[in-house]
Structures are given as structure tokens and as C-alpha cells.
């Protein structure tokens, strides 16, 4: 019986690590104009870097509604889409003309403190 518990614990640990993953290069994207898909309860990339004047296409790609909002309130997908509800296939292309580092989050699945569905946008050369 103890062996079954150990095996079960290992299986659960592996399943959880597969779901949550780790912060690696696959969670980062950089370029002049990039696309970040918003899956069910997570962003495809949690660190996004673009030059001043670059843009991000925030693309709905899940069954649940999502959005992207700057933690400081300076920008939001609502400004483009007209609603905080962004569904599968909905695009919000935002061009960023001011250098800085911006925490972002989904109002449904994260918060401004960086918990849950959240990330960082770096505009410029490291702000």
C-alpha cells in the first residue's frame, strides 16, 4: 500500500509540473511585432519584449474570455476591442510608443500583483 502512495505521489507531481511548467525560453518572445495567444487561463508568453513603436497582437485562443490590462492602468485590450471580453479569434493589436516595463494581467484569471494569468511587457532596450 505504501508503494502505491509513492507511485501516486510521483504521478501527481509529474502531472502538476507538466501543467505549470517552468520559466524558460518558450515563455519569452521578442521582436518588432509579436503575437501573444491567450489560452485558457494563461498567456502563451509571460515575458514580451518589443522596441519602442513595436506592437503586440493579443489574440484570444481559448474557450474562456480573456483580456490584457496594464497593472498601472496605462493600456488595455478593452481600448481596442471595446470590451474586456476577448474570445477565441478576437484580436487586440496595440502599438507601444513609450519605453518602459509594464506588468500585465487578465482581469478574469489574474491580478495586478502578478498572480495567476500575468506577465511583463518590456518596451525598448530593457527599460
N, C-alpha and C. Protein backbone atom coordinates (compact mmCIF):
# COMPACT_ATOMS: atom_id res chain seq x y z
N UNK A 1 0.82 -1.20 0.00
CA UNK A 1 0.00 0.00 0.00
C UNK A 1 0.86 1.26 0.00
N UNK A 2 1.94 1.29 0.79
CA UNK A 2 2.83 2.46 0.80
C UNK A 2 3.46 2.70 -0.56
N UNK A 3 3.77 1.61 -1.25
CA UNK A 3 4.36 1.76 -2.58
C UNK A 3 3.36 2.43 -3.53
N UNK A 4 2.09 2.09 -3.43
CA UNK A 4 1.07 2.71 -4.27
C UNK A 4 0.98 4.21 -4.00
N UNK A 5 1.08 4.60 -2.74
CA UNK A 5 1.04 6.02 -2.40
C UNK A 5 2.24 6.76 -2.98
N UNK A 6 3.41 6.13 -2.94
CA UNK A 6 4.61 6.76 -3.51
C UNK A 6 4.44 6.92 -5.02
N UNK A 7 3.96 5.88 -5.68
CA UNK A 7 3.75 5.94 -7.13
C UNK A 7 2.72 7.01 -7.45
N UNK A 8 1.63 7.06 -6.69
CA UNK A 8 0.61 8.07 -6.91
C UNK A 8 1.17 9.47 -6.71
N UNK A 9 1.99 9.67 -5.69
CA UNK A 9 2.59 10.98 -5.44
C UNK A 9 3.50 11.39 -6.59
N UNK A 10 4.26 10.46 -7.13
CA UNK A 10 5.15 10.76 -8.25
C UNK A 10 4.33 11.13 -9.49
N UNK A 11 3.27 10.40 -9.76
CA UNK A 11 2.41 10.68 -10.92
C UNK A 11 1.78 12.06 -10.78
N UNK A 12 1.29 12.38 -9.60
CA UNK A 12 0.67 13.70 -9.38
C UNK A 12 1.71 14.80 -9.56
N UNK A 13 2.91 14.62 -9.01
CA UNK A 13 3.97 15.63 -9.15
C UNK A 13 4.33 15.84 -10.61
N UNK A 14 4.44 14.78 -11.38
CA UNK A 14 4.76 14.90 -12.81
C UNK A 14 3.64 15.60 -13.56
N UNK A 15 2.42 15.27 -13.24
CA UNK A 15 1.28 15.91 -13.92
C UNK A 15 1.24 17.39 -13.61
N UNK A 16 1.46 17.77 -12.36
CA UNK A 16 1.46 19.19 -12.00
C UNK A 16 2.59 19.95 -12.67
N UNK A 17 3.77 19.35 -12.73
CA UNK A 17 4.89 20.05 -13.37
C UNK A 17 4.64 20.20 -14.87
N UNK A 18 3.96 19.25 -15.49
CA UNK A 18 3.63 19.37 -16.90
C UNK A 18 2.62 20.49 -17.14
N UNK A 19 1.70 20.67 -16.20
CA UNK A 19 0.70 21.73 -16.34
C UNK A 19 1.30 23.11 -16.13
N UNK A 20 2.11 23.24 -15.10
CA UNK A 20 2.65 24.55 -14.75
C UNK A 20 3.95 24.85 -15.45
N UNK A 21 4.73 23.85 -15.74
CA UNK A 21 6.00 24.07 -16.43
C UNK A 21 6.95 24.91 -15.61
N UNK A 22 7.94 25.46 -16.30
CA UNK A 22 8.92 26.31 -15.64
C UNK A 22 9.18 27.52 -16.51
N UNK A 23 9.77 28.54 -15.93
CA UNK A 23 10.07 29.76 -16.70
C UNK A 23 11.27 29.47 -17.58
N UNK A 24 11.04 29.28 -18.86
CA UNK A 24 12.14 29.03 -19.77
C UNK A 24 11.94 29.88 -21.02
N UNK A 25 12.81 29.66 -22.00
CA UNK A 25 12.79 30.48 -23.21
C UNK A 25 11.46 30.40 -23.95
N UNK A 26 10.72 29.29 -23.81
CA UNK A 26 9.46 29.17 -24.53
C UNK A 26 8.39 30.13 -24.00
N UNK A 27 8.59 30.70 -22.82
CA UNK A 27 7.64 31.64 -22.26
C UNK A 27 8.01 33.09 -22.56
N UNK A 28 9.04 33.28 -23.40
CA UNK A 28 9.50 34.62 -23.74
C UNK A 28 9.42 34.80 -25.25
N UNK A 29 9.12 36.04 -25.65
CA UNK A 29 9.12 36.36 -27.08
C UNK A 29 9.62 37.79 -27.23
N UNK A 30 10.32 38.03 -28.33
CA UNK A 30 10.76 39.39 -28.62
C UNK A 30 10.72 39.60 -30.13
N UNK A 31 10.57 40.86 -30.52
CA UNK A 31 10.54 41.20 -31.93
C UNK A 31 9.85 42.53 -32.14
N UNK A 32 9.83 42.99 -33.36
CA UNK A 32 9.20 44.26 -33.71
C UNK A 32 7.69 44.20 -33.50
N UNK A 33 7.07 43.17 -34.05
CA UNK A 33 5.63 42.96 -33.94
C UNK A 33 5.42 41.50 -33.59
N UNK A 34 4.81 41.21 -32.45
CA UNK A 34 4.66 39.84 -31.98
C UNK A 34 3.20 39.53 -31.69
N UNK A 35 2.89 38.25 -31.63
CA UNK A 35 1.56 37.79 -31.26
C UNK A 35 1.66 36.98 -29.97
N UNK A 36 0.76 37.27 -29.05
CA UNK A 36 0.66 36.52 -27.80
C UNK A 36 -0.74 35.95 -27.72
N UNK A 37 -0.84 34.63 -27.77
CA UNK A 37 -2.15 33.99 -27.66
C UNK A 37 -2.55 33.87 -26.20
N UNK A 38 -3.83 34.09 -25.95
CA UNK A 38 -4.38 33.99 -24.61
C UNK A 38 -5.19 32.71 -24.53
N UNK A 39 -4.54 31.66 -23.99
CA UNK A 39 -5.18 30.36 -23.85
C UNK A 39 -6.04 30.36 -22.59
N UNK A 40 -6.66 29.23 -22.32
CA UNK A 40 -7.48 29.14 -21.12
C UNK A 40 -6.62 29.27 -19.88
N UNK A 41 -6.71 30.46 -19.30
CA UNK A 41 -6.10 30.80 -18.01
C UNK A 41 -4.59 30.97 -18.04
N UNK A 42 -4.01 31.21 -19.22
CA UNK A 42 -2.57 31.51 -19.30
C UNK A 42 -2.27 32.22 -20.61
N UNK A 43 -1.23 33.06 -20.56
CA UNK A 43 -0.71 33.68 -21.77
C UNK A 43 0.31 32.75 -22.39
N UNK A 44 0.39 32.73 -23.69
CA UNK A 44 1.39 31.91 -24.38
C UNK A 44 2.80 32.31 -23.94
N UNK A 45 3.03 33.60 -23.79
CA UNK A 45 4.32 34.13 -23.33
C UNK A 45 4.07 35.04 -22.13
N UNK A 46 4.88 34.90 -21.10
CA UNK A 46 4.72 35.75 -19.92
C UNK A 46 5.76 36.86 -19.87
N UNK A 47 6.72 36.82 -20.77
CA UNK A 47 7.67 37.93 -20.92
C UNK A 47 7.73 38.30 -22.40
N UNK A 48 7.37 39.54 -22.67
CA UNK A 48 7.30 40.03 -24.05
C UNK A 48 8.19 41.25 -24.16
N UNK A 49 9.08 41.27 -25.16
CA UNK A 49 9.95 42.43 -25.36
C UNK A 49 9.84 42.90 -26.80
N UNK A 50 9.56 44.20 -26.94
CA UNK A 50 9.45 44.83 -28.26
C UNK A 50 10.17 46.17 -28.22
N UNK A 51 10.58 46.69 -29.38
CA UNK A 51 11.17 48.03 -29.40
C UNK A 51 10.08 49.09 -29.29
N UNK A 52 10.48 50.30 -28.97
CA UNK A 52 9.54 51.41 -28.99
C UNK A 52 8.96 51.49 -30.40
N UNK A 53 7.66 51.61 -30.52
CA UNK A 53 6.98 51.62 -31.82
C UNK A 53 6.55 50.24 -32.28
N UNK A 54 6.94 49.19 -31.55
CA UNK A 54 6.52 47.83 -31.87
C UNK A 54 5.11 47.57 -31.40
N UNK A 55 4.56 46.45 -31.83
CA UNK A 55 3.18 46.15 -31.44
C UNK A 55 3.05 44.71 -30.97
N UNK A 56 2.00 44.49 -30.20
CA UNK A 56 1.64 43.15 -29.74
C UNK A 56 0.21 42.89 -30.18
N UNK A 57 0.02 41.76 -30.84
CA UNK A 57 -1.32 41.28 -31.18
C UNK A 57 -1.74 40.32 -30.06
N UNK A 58 -2.61 40.77 -29.19
CA UNK A 58 -3.14 39.95 -28.10
C UNK A 58 -4.31 39.17 -28.69
N UNK A 59 -4.15 37.86 -28.87
CA UNK A 59 -5.09 37.04 -29.62
C UNK A 59 -5.81 36.05 -28.72
N UNK A 60 -7.14 36.13 -28.69
CA UNK A 60 -7.93 35.16 -27.95
C UNK A 60 -7.78 33.78 -28.57
N UNK A 61 -7.48 32.78 -27.74
CA UNK A 61 -7.25 31.44 -28.28
C UNK A 61 -7.77 30.36 -27.34
N UNK A 62 -8.77 30.67 -26.56
CA UNK A 62 -9.29 29.68 -25.64
C UNK A 62 -10.80 29.69 -25.60
N UNK A 63 -11.36 28.78 -24.82
CA UNK A 63 -12.81 28.72 -24.68
C UNK A 63 -13.34 29.79 -23.73
N UNK A 64 -12.49 30.23 -22.80
CA UNK A 64 -12.90 31.24 -21.82
C UNK A 64 -12.59 32.64 -22.33
N UNK A 65 -13.34 33.65 -21.90
CA UNK A 65 -12.99 35.02 -22.26
C UNK A 65 -11.72 35.44 -21.54
N UNK A 66 -10.93 36.28 -22.19
CA UNK A 66 -9.68 36.81 -21.62
C UNK A 66 -9.55 38.27 -22.00
N UNK A 67 -8.52 38.90 -21.46
CA UNK A 67 -8.16 40.26 -21.82
C UNK A 67 -6.75 40.50 -21.35
N UNK A 68 -6.24 41.67 -21.63
CA UNK A 68 -4.93 42.05 -21.13
C UNK A 68 -5.01 43.51 -20.72
N UNK A 69 -4.56 43.76 -19.49
CA UNK A 69 -4.64 45.09 -18.89
C UNK A 69 -3.30 45.39 -18.23
N UNK A 70 -2.79 46.60 -18.44
CA UNK A 70 -1.58 47.02 -17.74
C UNK A 70 -1.90 47.22 -16.27
N UNK A 71 -1.03 46.72 -15.40
CA UNK A 71 -1.28 46.85 -13.96
C UNK A 71 -1.37 48.31 -13.52
N UNK A 72 -0.66 49.19 -14.25
CA UNK A 72 -0.71 50.62 -13.89
C UNK A 72 -1.88 51.34 -14.57
N UNK A 73 -2.68 50.62 -15.34
CA UNK A 73 -3.85 51.20 -15.99
C UNK A 73 -3.56 52.00 -17.24
N UNK A 74 -2.33 51.97 -17.74
CA UNK A 74 -1.96 52.82 -18.88
C UNK A 74 -2.48 52.32 -20.23
N UNK A 75 -2.82 51.04 -20.35
CA UNK A 75 -3.36 50.50 -21.59
C UNK A 75 -4.16 49.23 -21.29
N UNK A 76 -5.01 48.86 -22.24
CA UNK A 76 -5.86 47.69 -22.05
C UNK A 76 -6.37 47.22 -23.41
N UNK A 77 -6.62 45.92 -23.53
CA UNK A 77 -7.23 45.40 -24.75
C UNK A 77 -8.64 45.95 -24.92
N UNK A 78 -9.26 46.36 -23.85
CA UNK A 78 -10.60 46.96 -23.93
C UNK A 78 -10.59 48.22 -24.80
N UNK A 79 -9.47 48.95 -24.81
CA UNK A 79 -9.35 50.16 -25.62
C UNK A 79 -9.48 49.85 -27.11
N UNK A 80 -9.11 48.62 -27.51
CA UNK A 80 -9.14 48.22 -28.92
C UNK A 80 -10.41 47.45 -29.25
N UNK A 81 -10.75 46.50 -28.39
CA UNK A 81 -11.87 45.60 -28.65
C UNK A 81 -13.20 46.22 -28.25
N UNK A 82 -13.17 47.14 -27.29
CA UNK A 82 -14.40 47.77 -26.83
C UNK A 82 -15.06 47.02 -25.70
N UNK A 83 -14.41 45.97 -25.22
CA UNK A 83 -14.94 45.15 -24.14
C UNK A 83 -13.78 44.43 -23.46
N UNK A 84 -13.98 44.06 -22.21
CA UNK A 84 -12.97 43.24 -21.53
C UNK A 84 -13.11 41.77 -21.91
N UNK A 85 -14.17 41.41 -22.63
CA UNK A 85 -14.36 40.03 -23.08
C UNK A 85 -13.73 39.84 -24.44
N UNK A 86 -12.66 39.08 -24.50
CA UNK A 86 -12.00 38.75 -25.75
C UNK A 86 -12.08 37.24 -25.91
N UNK A 87 -12.70 36.78 -26.99
CA UNK A 87 -12.92 35.36 -27.20
C UNK A 87 -11.98 34.80 -28.26
N UNK A 88 -12.10 33.50 -28.50
CA UNK A 88 -11.27 32.81 -29.47
C UNK A 88 -11.32 33.54 -30.82
N UNK A 89 -10.16 33.94 -31.31
CA UNK A 89 -10.07 34.62 -32.60
C UNK A 89 -10.11 36.13 -32.52
N UNK A 90 -10.55 36.68 -31.39
CA UNK A 90 -10.58 38.14 -31.24
C UNK A 90 -9.15 38.67 -31.10
N UNK A 91 -8.85 39.74 -31.83
CA UNK A 91 -7.52 40.33 -31.82
C UNK A 91 -7.57 41.74 -31.25
N UNK A 92 -6.55 42.05 -30.45
CA UNK A 92 -6.36 43.43 -29.98
C UNK A 92 -4.91 43.78 -30.26
N UNK A 93 -4.67 44.50 -31.36
CA UNK A 93 -3.31 44.89 -31.72
C UNK A 93 -3.04 46.25 -31.09
N UNK A 94 -2.02 46.28 -30.24
CA UNK A 94 -1.67 47.51 -29.53
C UNK A 94 -0.24 47.87 -29.88
N UNK A 95 -0.03 49.13 -30.31
CA UNK A 95 1.32 49.65 -30.59
C UNK A 95 1.77 50.44 -29.37
N UNK A 96 3.02 50.20 -28.98
CA UNK A 96 3.57 50.82 -27.77
C UNK A 96 4.64 51.83 -28.16
N UNK A 97 4.36 53.11 -27.90
CA UNK A 97 5.26 54.20 -28.30
C UNK A 97 6.08 54.76 -27.15
N UNK A 98 5.90 54.24 -25.95
CA UNK A 98 6.62 54.75 -24.79
C UNK A 98 7.42 53.63 -24.14
N UNK A 99 8.73 53.85 -24.00
CA UNK A 99 9.60 52.85 -23.37
C UNK A 99 9.17 52.64 -21.92
N UNK A 100 9.34 51.42 -21.47
CA UNK A 100 9.03 51.12 -20.08
C UNK A 100 8.84 49.63 -19.86
N UNK A 101 8.68 49.28 -18.62
CA UNK A 101 8.38 47.89 -18.25
C UNK A 101 6.99 47.89 -17.64
N UNK A 102 6.11 47.09 -18.21
CA UNK A 102 4.71 47.09 -17.83
C UNK A 102 4.27 45.70 -17.37
N UNK A 103 3.81 45.60 -16.14
CA UNK A 103 3.18 44.36 -15.70
C UNK A 103 1.80 44.31 -16.34
N UNK A 104 1.39 43.13 -16.81
CA UNK A 104 0.06 42.97 -17.39
C UNK A 104 -0.62 41.74 -16.81
N UNK A 105 -1.96 41.72 -16.92
CA UNK A 105 -2.71 40.60 -16.37
C UNK A 105 -4.08 40.51 -17.04
N UNK A 106 -4.73 39.37 -16.86
CA UNK A 106 -6.10 39.15 -17.30
C UNK A 106 -7.00 39.40 -16.10
N UNK A 107 -8.00 40.25 -16.25
CA UNK A 107 -8.87 40.59 -15.13
C UNK A 107 -9.73 39.41 -14.67
N UNK A 108 -9.89 38.39 -15.52
CA UNK A 108 -10.67 37.22 -15.14
C UNK A 108 -9.84 36.17 -14.41
N UNK A 109 -8.56 36.05 -14.75
CA UNK A 109 -7.76 34.92 -14.28
C UNK A 109 -6.44 35.32 -13.63
N UNK A 110 -6.24 36.59 -13.34
CA UNK A 110 -5.01 37.05 -12.71
C UNK A 110 -5.28 38.30 -11.92
N UNK A 111 -4.19 38.95 -11.49
CA UNK A 111 -4.37 40.23 -10.80
C UNK A 111 -3.15 41.12 -11.02
N UNK A 112 -3.29 42.38 -10.65
CA UNK A 112 -2.25 43.39 -10.88
C UNK A 112 -0.98 43.12 -10.09
N UNK A 113 -1.07 42.27 -9.08
CA UNK A 113 0.12 41.93 -8.29
C UNK A 113 0.95 40.83 -8.95
N UNK A 114 0.48 40.30 -10.08
CA UNK A 114 1.25 39.31 -10.83
C UNK A 114 0.86 37.87 -10.58
N UNK A 115 -0.20 37.63 -9.83
CA UNK A 115 -0.64 36.26 -9.59
C UNK A 115 -1.52 35.78 -10.74
N UNK A 116 -1.51 34.50 -10.97
CA UNK A 116 -2.36 33.90 -11.99
C UNK A 116 -1.92 34.26 -13.39
N UNK A 117 -2.86 34.61 -14.23
CA UNK A 117 -2.59 34.92 -15.63
C UNK A 117 -2.02 36.34 -15.71
N UNK A 118 -0.68 36.41 -15.76
CA UNK A 118 0.01 37.70 -15.69
C UNK A 118 1.37 37.58 -16.37
N UNK A 119 1.97 38.73 -16.66
CA UNK A 119 3.29 38.74 -17.28
C UNK A 119 3.89 40.13 -17.29
N UNK A 120 4.97 40.27 -18.05
CA UNK A 120 5.69 41.53 -18.15
C UNK A 120 5.95 41.88 -19.61
N UNK A 121 5.65 43.12 -19.97
CA UNK A 121 5.96 43.66 -21.29
C UNK A 121 7.08 44.66 -21.13
N UNK A 122 8.16 44.46 -21.89
CA UNK A 122 9.28 45.40 -21.88
C UNK A 122 9.31 46.10 -23.24
N UNK A 123 9.14 47.41 -23.21
CA UNK A 123 9.16 48.21 -24.44
C UNK A 123 10.47 49.00 -24.43
N UNK A 124 11.28 48.80 -25.45
CA UNK A 124 12.60 49.43 -25.52
C UNK A 124 13.68 48.45 -25.14
N UNK A 125 14.83 48.96 -24.87
CA UNK A 125 16.01 48.12 -24.62
C UNK A 125 16.18 47.77 -23.14
N UNK A 126 15.18 47.17 -22.58
CA UNK A 126 15.26 46.74 -21.19
C UNK A 126 14.65 47.73 -20.23
N UNK A 127 14.18 48.85 -20.76
CA UNK A 127 13.52 49.89 -19.96
C UNK A 127 14.36 50.17 -18.80
